[in-house]
Amino acid sequence: MNQAIQFPDREEWDERHNAICFPALVNGFQITCAISGKTVASRYGGDGVNKWLELFRAHRWDLEEEVQDLILDEQEGDQGWFWLS
């Protein structure tokens, strides 16, 4: 793993975006990463926020690796967030 990118365990459900949002620290700067509930459900199943958060935590390492690639490729969305699809 790139030592310049760290992922604190501070994921939370964002009702406005219908997504799990989680921070990443890139060279000391915090950025926002996200995966929609719909995407979690299509990848892993589950129904509802509590189950999606549980599934996110169960697959955290894979998801962090995937978003790390987006960060390194500078593929942020319009809001400056890095979205997993």
Protein backbone atom coordinates (compact mmCIF):
# COMPACT_ATOMS: atom_id res chain seq x y z
CA MET A 1 0.00 0.00 0.00
CA ASN A 2 1.15 3.53 -0.75
CA GLN A 3 2.23 5.01 2.58
CA ALA A 4 1.05 8.47 1.46
CA ILE A 5 -2.60 7.28 1.47
CA GLN A 6 -4.25 6.26 4.74
CA PHE A 7 -7.84 5.28 5.45
CA PRO A 8 -9.11 6.01 8.98
CA ASP A 9 -12.01 3.84 10.15
CA ARG A 10 -14.59 6.64 10.05
CA GLU A 11 -17.19 5.60 7.52
CA GLU A 12 -20.72 6.94 7.83
CA TRP A 13 -23.97 6.94 5.94
CA ASP A 14 -24.70 10.21 4.10
CA GLU A 15 -28.45 10.48 3.66
CA ARG A 16 -28.20 13.33 1.16
CA HIS A 17 -26.03 11.29 -1.22
CA ASN A 18 -27.50 7.86 -0.31
CA ALA A 19 -23.94 6.66 0.11
CA ILE A 20 -21.35 5.46 2.57
CA CYS A 21 -18.75 8.20 2.83
CA PHE A 22 -15.30 7.56 4.20
CA PRO A 23 -12.19 9.72 4.47
CA ALA A 24 -8.76 9.15 3.06
CA LEU A 25 -5.66 11.05 4.07
CA VAL A 26 -3.45 11.81 1.10
CA ASN A 27 -0.12 13.34 2.06
CA GLY A 28 -1.83 14.72 5.17
CA PHE A 29 -4.85 16.19 3.35
CA GLN A 30 -8.30 14.72 3.92
CA ILE A 31 -10.41 13.81 0.92
CA THR A 32 -13.83 12.18 0.74
CA CYS A 33 -14.47 8.81 -0.82
CA ALA A 34 -17.90 7.26 -1.31
CA ILE A 35 -19.83 4.26 -2.50
CA SER A 36 -23.59 4.38 -3.00
CA GLY A 37 -25.91 2.02 -1.16
CA LYS A 38 -27.13 0.86 -4.55
CA THR A 39 -23.56 -0.09 -5.53
CA VAL A 40 -22.98 -1.95 -2.26
CA ALA A 41 -26.24 -3.84 -2.79
CA SER A 42 -25.37 -4.76 -6.38
CA ARG A 43 -21.89 -5.97 -5.41
CA TYR A 44 -22.58 -7.73 -2.12
CA GLY A 45 -26.33 -7.90 -1.56
CA GLY A 46 -28.01 -6.62 1.53
CA ASP A 47 -30.92 -4.32 2.05
CA GLY A 48 -30.75 -1.12 4.05
CA VAL A 49 -28.18 1.17 5.57
CA ASN A 50 -27.15 -1.03 8.51
CA LYS A 51 -26.51 -4.04 6.28
CA TRP A 52 -24.63 -1.90 3.73
CA LEU A 53 -22.37 -0.50 6.45
CA GLU A 54 -21.74 -4.05 7.69
CA LEU A 55 -20.89 -5.20 4.16
CA PHE A 56 -18.64 -2.17 3.62
CA ARG A 57 -16.72 -3.05 6.77
CA ALA A 58 -16.44 -6.70 5.71
CA HIS A 59 -14.96 -5.69 2.34
CA ARG A 60 -13.06 -2.61 3.54
CA TRP A 61 -9.60 -3.75 2.38
CA ASP A 62 -10.73 -4.44 -1.18
CA LEU A 63 -12.71 -1.21 -1.40
CA GLU A 64 -9.82 0.86 -0.03
CA GLU A 65 -7.48 -0.71 -2.57
CA GLU A 66 -9.92 0.09 -5.35
CA VAL A 67 -10.39 3.72 -4.29
CA GLN A 68 -6.62 4.07 -3.85
CA ASP A 69 -6.29 3.39 -7.58
CA LEU A 70 -8.86 6.13 -8.29
CA ILE A 71 -6.92 8.55 -6.09
CA LEU A 72 -3.60 7.76 -7.74
CA ASP A 73 -5.22 8.17 -11.18
CA GLU A 74 -6.80 11.48 -10.01
CA GLN A 75 -10.30 10.31 -10.98
CA GLU A 76 -12.34 12.49 -8.64
CA GLY A 77 -15.92 13.43 -9.45
CA ASP A 78 -17.41 16.88 -9.91
CA GLN A 79 -17.54 17.48 -6.15
CA GLY A 80 -13.92 16.48 -5.70
CA TRP A 81 -15.03 13.15 -4.17
CA PHE A 82 -13.75 9.75 -5.25
CA TRP A 83 -16.72 7.48 -6.02
CA LEU A 84 -16.60 3.70 -6.31
CA SER A 85 -18.97 2.35 -8.92
